[in-house]
């Protein structure tokens, strides 16, 4: 993938000269840029489908890391730096590049300035590819790679690990997987849009083409915010996100149990309550006035 990125960058730089000088091949350049952008999105989709994990140290796997508490200071420091870099730099930058991509593919601007917008898309693609590679590298350091799936999210013997507790890293892994899915959908939609615009001999071909990926970009940005929250959030705040749903289930179980023990006193259906309210209102209006 690195070779395809370099080739795309070299080709972009070579053809940009003729473009900026207003050469006679500007129309052909438009097609070339579009082809490069389409290929770029194909590569980004594959990158999301098959994240790189070459050269991964087996002891850095989720099972290997959480199989022992013998965590060296160097390992701990590296993981802390990865969390800081993800929170402060990589994830906010990824969010910004996705927003820029959405702006560049807006139909109104794309149809009016197709050539310049495609050049912006190519530059964003290169930034996104580098960003995704760096995030994948940090995921490997943190043992949050999709292929490193632990048996369970919790441990009772990692109290001294602070931000590196299994609870946080396990759910970070889940958030990263969710984020990759959202980003992949964005790239697929962008790929579809450019293919649709390129079907005819003249670009853009379909003036009615729509980029529904703006909604998908919004979902991806929300996923990024959620991932950042899992990095910087306190343990109490993170735990509380999972309390509400189980508590609702417990309330339902208790209500069912009370209804089973004493249905005359405790069992009240919604329809019965509604009937009682209507009966009370009718009785109030029908009562003789003193």
Protein backbone atom coordinates (compact mmCIF):
# COMPACT_ATOMS: atom_id res chain seq x y z
CA UNK A 1 0.00 0.00 0.00
CA UNK A 2 2.92 2.29 0.63
CA UNK A 3 4.06 1.80 -2.99
CA UNK A 4 0.65 2.74 -4.34
CA UNK A 5 0.65 5.82 -2.15
CA UNK A 6 4.07 6.88 -3.45
CA UNK A 7 3.06 6.28 -7.07
CA UNK A 8 -0.14 8.27 -6.64
CA UNK A 9 1.78 11.12 -5.03
CA UNK A 10 4.40 11.13 -7.81
CA UNK A 11 1.76 11.07 -10.52
CA UNK A 12 -0.18 13.84 -8.80
CA UNK A 13 2.89 16.04 -8.57
CA UNK A 14 3.85 15.38 -12.22
CA UNK A 15 0.40 16.17 -13.64
CA UNK A 16 -0.13 19.15 -11.36
CA UNK A 17 2.49 21.11 -13.33
CA UNK A 18 0.56 20.89 -16.59
CA UNK A 19 -2.68 21.64 -14.74
CA UNK A 20 -1.45 24.81 -13.07
CA UNK A 21 0.17 26.06 -16.29
CA UNK A 22 -3.12 25.68 -18.15
CA UNK A 23 -1.74 23.08 -20.53
CA UNK A 24 -3.67 21.63 -23.44
CA UNK A 25 -4.08 18.33 -21.61
CA UNK A 26 -6.13 19.76 -18.76
CA UNK A 27 -9.20 17.74 -19.77
CA UNK A 28 -7.16 14.56 -19.84
CA UNK A 29 -5.67 15.52 -16.49
CA UNK A 30 -9.17 15.71 -15.07
CA UNK A 31 -9.78 12.12 -16.08
CA UNK A 32 -6.39 11.08 -14.71
CA UNK A 33 -7.03 12.77 -11.39
CA UNK A 34 -10.44 11.12 -11.18
CA UNK A 35 -8.95 7.70 -11.92
CA UNK A 36 -6.33 8.27 -9.23
CA UNK A 37 -9.01 9.26 -6.72
CA UNK A 38 -11.09 6.19 -7.54
CA UNK A 39 -8.05 3.94 -7.11
CA UNK A 40 -7.20 5.78 -3.91
CA UNK A 41 -10.58 5.00 -2.37
CA UNK A 42 -10.23 1.37 -3.46
CA UNK A 43 -6.94 1.22 -1.58
CA UNK A 44 -8.40 2.90 1.51
CA UNK A 45 -11.31 0.45 1.55
CA UNK A 46 -8.88 -2.48 1.43
CA UNK A 47 -6.83 -0.89 4.19
CA UNK A 48 -9.90 -0.72 6.42
CA UNK A 49 -10.87 -4.29 5.52
CA UNK A 50 -7.39 -5.66 6.17
CA UNK A 51 -5.45 -3.44 8.60
CA UNK A 52 -1.72 -3.95 8.47
CA UNK A 53 -0.19 -5.80 11.40
CA UNK A 54 3.06 -6.97 9.89
CA UNK A 55 5.98 -7.13 12.26
CA UNK A 56 3.76 -7.36 15.32
CA UNK A 57 5.53 -8.65 18.41
CA UNK A 58 3.62 -11.72 19.71
CA UNK A 59 4.09 -10.57 23.30
CA UNK A 60 2.21 -7.38 22.39
CA UNK A 61 -0.97 -9.29 21.60
CA UNK A 62 -3.98 -8.76 23.86
CA UNK A 63 -3.63 -12.24 25.35
CA UNK A 64 0.11 -11.85 25.76
CA UNK A 65 -0.13 -8.47 27.45
CA UNK A 66 -2.95 -9.33 29.81
CA UNK A 67 -1.57 -12.79 30.48
CA UNK A 68 1.02 -11.27 32.81
CA UNK A 69 1.40 -8.28 35.09
CA UNK A 70 5.13 -8.09 34.47
CA UNK A 71 4.80 -4.84 32.54
CA UNK A 72 8.08 -3.01 32.21
CA UNK A 73 8.30 0.73 32.64
CA UNK A 74 9.38 1.07 29.02
CA UNK A 75 6.30 -0.80 27.79
CA UNK A 76 4.04 1.23 30.03
CA UNK A 77 5.58 4.50 28.86
CA UNK A 78 5.18 3.51 25.22
CA UNK A 79 1.52 2.68 25.73
CA UNK A 80 0.91 5.94 27.61
CA UNK A 81 2.51 7.89 24.76
CA UNK A 82 0.32 6.05 22.27
CA UNK A 83 -2.80 7.02 24.19
CA UNK A 84 -1.67 10.65 24.38
CA UNK A 85 -0.82 10.77 20.68
CA UNK A 86 -4.16 9.23 19.69
CA UNK A 87 -6.12 11.59 21.92
CA UNK A 88 -4.29 14.83 21.14
CA UNK A 89 -3.13 14.38 17.53
CA UNK A 90 -4.10 11.39 15.42
CA UNK A 91 -7.82 11.07 16.14
CA UNK A 92 -8.53 14.84 15.95
CA UNK A 93 -6.52 15.00 12.70
CA UNK A 94 -8.44 12.03 11.31
CA UNK A 95 -11.68 13.80 12.16
CA UNK A 96 -10.49 16.96 10.43
CA UNK A 97 -9.44 15.10 7.27
CA UNK A 98 -12.78 13.29 7.09
CA UNK A 99 -14.61 16.61 7.43
CA UNK A 100 -12.42 18.09 4.68
CA UNK A 101 -13.24 15.10 2.48
CA UNK A 102 -16.94 15.62 3.06
CA UNK A 103 -16.63 19.31 2.14
CA UNK A 104 -14.67 18.49 -1.02
CA UNK A 105 -17.29 16.00 -2.20
CA UNK A 106 -20.31 18.21 -1.63
CA UNK A 107 -22.26 18.13 -4.92
CA UNK A 108 -22.63 21.92 -5.18
CA UNK A 109 -18.91 22.63 -5.03
CA UNK A 110 -17.84 19.44 -6.78
CA UNK A 111 -19.90 20.11 -9.89
CA UNK A 112 -18.79 23.73 -10.14
CA UNK A 113 -15.06 23.16 -9.52
CA UNK A 114 -14.65 19.52 -10.34
CA UNK A 115 -10.95 19.60 -11.23
CA UNK A 116 -9.74 21.52 -8.20
CA UNK A 117 -11.98 19.52 -5.87
CA UNK A 118 -10.57 16.23 -7.18
CA UNK A 119 -7.04 17.49 -6.49
CA UNK A 120 -8.10 18.26 -2.93
CA UNK A 121 -9.56 14.77 -2.61
CA UNK A 122 -6.26 13.22 -3.73
CA UNK A 123 -4.30 15.19 -1.16
CA UNK A 124 -6.78 14.24 1.57
CA UNK A 125 -6.50 10.59 0.55
CA UNK A 126 -2.74 10.62 1.06
CA UNK A 127 -3.16 12.23 4.49
CA UNK A 128 -5.85 9.74 5.46
CA UNK A 129 -3.71 6.79 4.44
CA UNK A 130 -0.77 7.97 6.52
CA UNK A 131 -3.11 8.71 9.42
CA UNK A 132 -4.69 5.25 9.32
CA UNK A 133 -1.26 3.59 9.24
CA UNK A 134 -0.14 5.55 12.30
CA UNK A 135 -3.34 4.71 14.18
CA UNK A 136 -2.91 1.03 13.33
CA UNK A 137 0.64 1.15 14.69
CA UNK A 138 -0.61 2.62 17.97
CA UNK A 139 -3.35 -0.01 18.16
CA UNK A 140 -0.69 -2.70 17.96
CA UNK A 141 1.33 -1.05 20.72
CA UNK A 142 -1.80 -0.88 22.88
CA UNK A 143 -2.83 -4.44 21.95
CA UNK A 144 -6.11 -2.99 20.63
CA UNK A 145 -5.85 -4.53 17.19
CA UNK A 146 -9.01 -6.21 15.91
CA UNK A 147 -7.31 -9.62 15.68
CA UNK A 148 -6.20 -9.49 19.34
CA UNK A 149 -9.44 -10.38 21.07
CA UNK A 150 -9.25 -11.07 24.80
CA UNK A 151 -11.45 -13.59 26.57
CA UNK A 152 -13.12 -10.93 28.70
CA UNK A 153 -13.07 -7.17 29.23
CA UNK A 154 -12.22 -7.18 32.92
CA UNK A 155 -9.38 -8.19 35.21
CA UNK A 156 -9.07 -7.89 38.94
CA UNK A 157 -5.27 -7.88 39.12
CA UNK A 158 -4.46 -4.84 36.98
CA UNK A 159 -5.31 -2.12 39.51
CA UNK A 160 -1.89 -0.52 39.20
CA UNK A 161 -2.12 -0.20 35.40
CA UNK A 162 -4.05 3.10 35.60
CA UNK A 163 -5.09 4.05 32.05
CA UNK A 164 -3.85 0.69 30.76
CA UNK A 165 -6.42 -1.43 32.58
CA UNK A 166 -8.02 -4.19 30.56
CA UNK A 167 -11.46 -2.58 30.93
CA UNK A 168 -10.41 0.58 29.09
CA UNK A 169 -8.31 -1.13 26.42
CA UNK A 170 -10.93 -3.77 25.71
CA UNK A 171 -13.57 -1.15 24.98
CA UNK A 172 -11.05 0.92 23.04
CA UNK A 173 -10.61 -2.09 20.80
CA UNK A 174 -14.38 -2.20 20.28
CA UNK A 175 -14.47 1.51 19.50
CA UNK A 176 -11.63 1.22 17.00
CA UNK A 177 -13.46 -1.61 15.22
CA UNK A 178 -16.62 0.49 15.09
CA UNK A 179 -14.66 3.49 13.80
CA UNK A 180 -13.03 1.41 11.04
CA UNK A 181 -16.47 0.28 9.93
CA UNK A 182 -17.79 3.86 9.70
CA UNK A 183 -14.73 5.05 7.80
CA UNK A 184 -14.97 2.15 5.37
CA UNK A 185 -18.57 3.13 4.56
CA UNK A 186 -17.42 6.71 3.88
CA UNK A 187 -14.76 5.50 1.43
CA UNK A 188 -17.20 3.20 -0.32
CA UNK A 189 -19.71 6.00 -0.78
CA UNK A 190 -17.00 8.34 -2.10
CA UNK A 191 -15.86 5.61 -4.50
CA UNK A 192 -19.43 5.16 -5.73
CA UNK A 193 -19.87 8.90 -6.27
CA UNK A 194 -16.72 9.30 -8.36
CA UNK A 195 -17.55 6.21 -10.42
CA UNK A 196 -20.98 7.66 -11.12
CA UNK A 197 -19.54 11.03 -12.16
CA UNK A 198 -17.04 9.35 -14.48
CA UNK A 199 -19.46 7.21 -16.49
CA UNK A 200 -19.70 9.67 -19.39
CA UNK A 201 -17.08 11.17 -21.71
CA UNK A 202 -17.37 14.56 -20.04
CA UNK A 203 -16.74 15.24 -16.37
CA UNK A 204 -18.81 15.55 -14.35
CA UNK A 205 -21.27 13.23 -16.11
CA UNK A 206 -24.22 13.20 -13.72
CA UNK A 207 -25.16 16.65 -12.34
CA UNK A 208 -27.74 14.99 -10.06
CA UNK A 209 -25.24 12.78 -8.26
CA UNK A 210 -25.42 12.97 -4.49
CA UNK A 211 -22.83 12.31 -1.82
CA UNK A 212 -24.78 10.65 0.96
CA UNK A 213 -21.46 10.07 2.67
CA UNK A 214 -21.88 13.36 4.54
CA UNK A 215 -24.13 11.51 6.99
CA UNK A 216 -21.58 8.70 7.20
CA UNK A 217 -18.79 11.19 7.90
CA UNK A 218 -20.90 12.56 10.74
CA UNK A 219 -21.26 9.07 12.19
CA UNK A 220 -17.51 8.49 11.86
CA UNK A 221 -16.77 11.76 13.65
CA UNK A 222 -19.12 10.76 16.47
CA UNK A 223 -17.25 7.45 16.71
CA UNK A 224 -13.97 9.36 16.94
CA UNK A 225 -15.37 11.49 19.78
CA UNK A 226 -16.48 8.34 21.57
CA UNK A 227 -13.02 6.79 21.17
CA UNK A 228 -11.35 9.91 22.55
CA UNK A 229 -13.74 9.82 25.51
CA UNK A 230 -12.66 6.26 26.24
CA UNK A 231 -9.03 7.37 26.24
CA UNK A 232 -9.35 10.39 28.50
CA UNK A 233 -12.46 9.56 30.54
CA UNK A 234 -12.30 8.65 34.21
CA UNK A 235 -12.96 5.06 35.21
CA UNK A 236 -16.20 6.06 36.94
CA UNK A 237 -17.51 7.93 33.88
CA UNK A 238 -16.68 5.01 31.61
CA UNK A 239 -18.27 2.45 33.91
CA UNK A 240 -21.45 4.51 34.20
CA UNK A 241 -22.02 4.33 30.46
CA UNK A 242 -22.85 0.65 30.94
CA UNK A 243 -24.88 0.99 34.13
CA UNK A 244 -28.12 2.42 32.79
CA UNK A 245 -29.09 -0.48 30.53
CA UNK A 246 -28.44 -3.26 33.10
CA UNK A 247 -30.30 -1.27 35.75
CA UNK A 248 -33.33 -1.06 33.46
CA UNK A 249 -33.22 -4.84 33.09
CA UNK A 250 -33.02 -5.27 36.86
CA UNK A 251 -36.05 -2.99 37.35
CA UNK A 252 -38.00 -5.07 34.85
CA UNK A 253 -37.05 -8.31 36.63
CA UNK A 254 -38.06 -6.89 40.02
CA UNK A 255 -41.39 -5.67 38.65
CA UNK A 256 -42.10 -9.09 37.16
CA UNK A 257 -41.19 -10.78 40.43
CA UNK A 258 -43.49 -8.49 42.46
CA UNK A 259 -46.29 -9.11 40.00
CA UNK A 260 -45.78 -12.87 40.37
CA UNK A 261 -45.79 -12.72 44.18
CA UNK A 262 -48.82 -10.44 44.56
CA UNK A 263 -50.51 -9.58 41.26
CA UNK A 264 -53.47 -7.85 42.98
CA UNK A 265 -51.24 -5.25 44.61
CA UNK A 266 -48.24 -4.90 42.33
CA UNK A 267 -49.33 -5.88 38.82
CA UNK A 268 -50.49 -2.87 36.88
CA UNK A 269 -50.54 -2.84 33.11
CA UNK A 270 -50.33 0.36 31.17
CA UNK A 271 -53.83 -0.13 29.75
CA UNK A 272 -55.30 -0.67 33.24
CA UNK A 273 -53.67 2.52 34.48
CA UNK A 274 -55.07 4.41 31.48
CA UNK A 275 -58.58 3.08 32.18
CA UNK A 276 -58.36 4.07 35.84
CA UNK A 277 -57.37 7.60 34.90
CA UNK A 278 -60.27 7.93 32.46
CA UNK A 279 -62.68 6.52 35.06
CA UNK A 280 -61.48 9.03 37.63
CA UNK A 281 -61.93 11.93 35.21
CA UNK A 282 -65.43 10.79 34.24
CA UNK A 283 -66.42 10.41 37.87
CA UNK A 284 -65.15 13.90 38.61
CA UNK A 285 -67.29 15.45 35.88
CA UNK A 286 -70.35 13.36 36.71
CA UNK A 287 -70.30 14.06 40.47
CA UNK A 288 -73.20 16.28 41.56
CA UNK A 289 -72.17 19.73 42.55
CA UNK A 290 -72.93 20.78 46.11
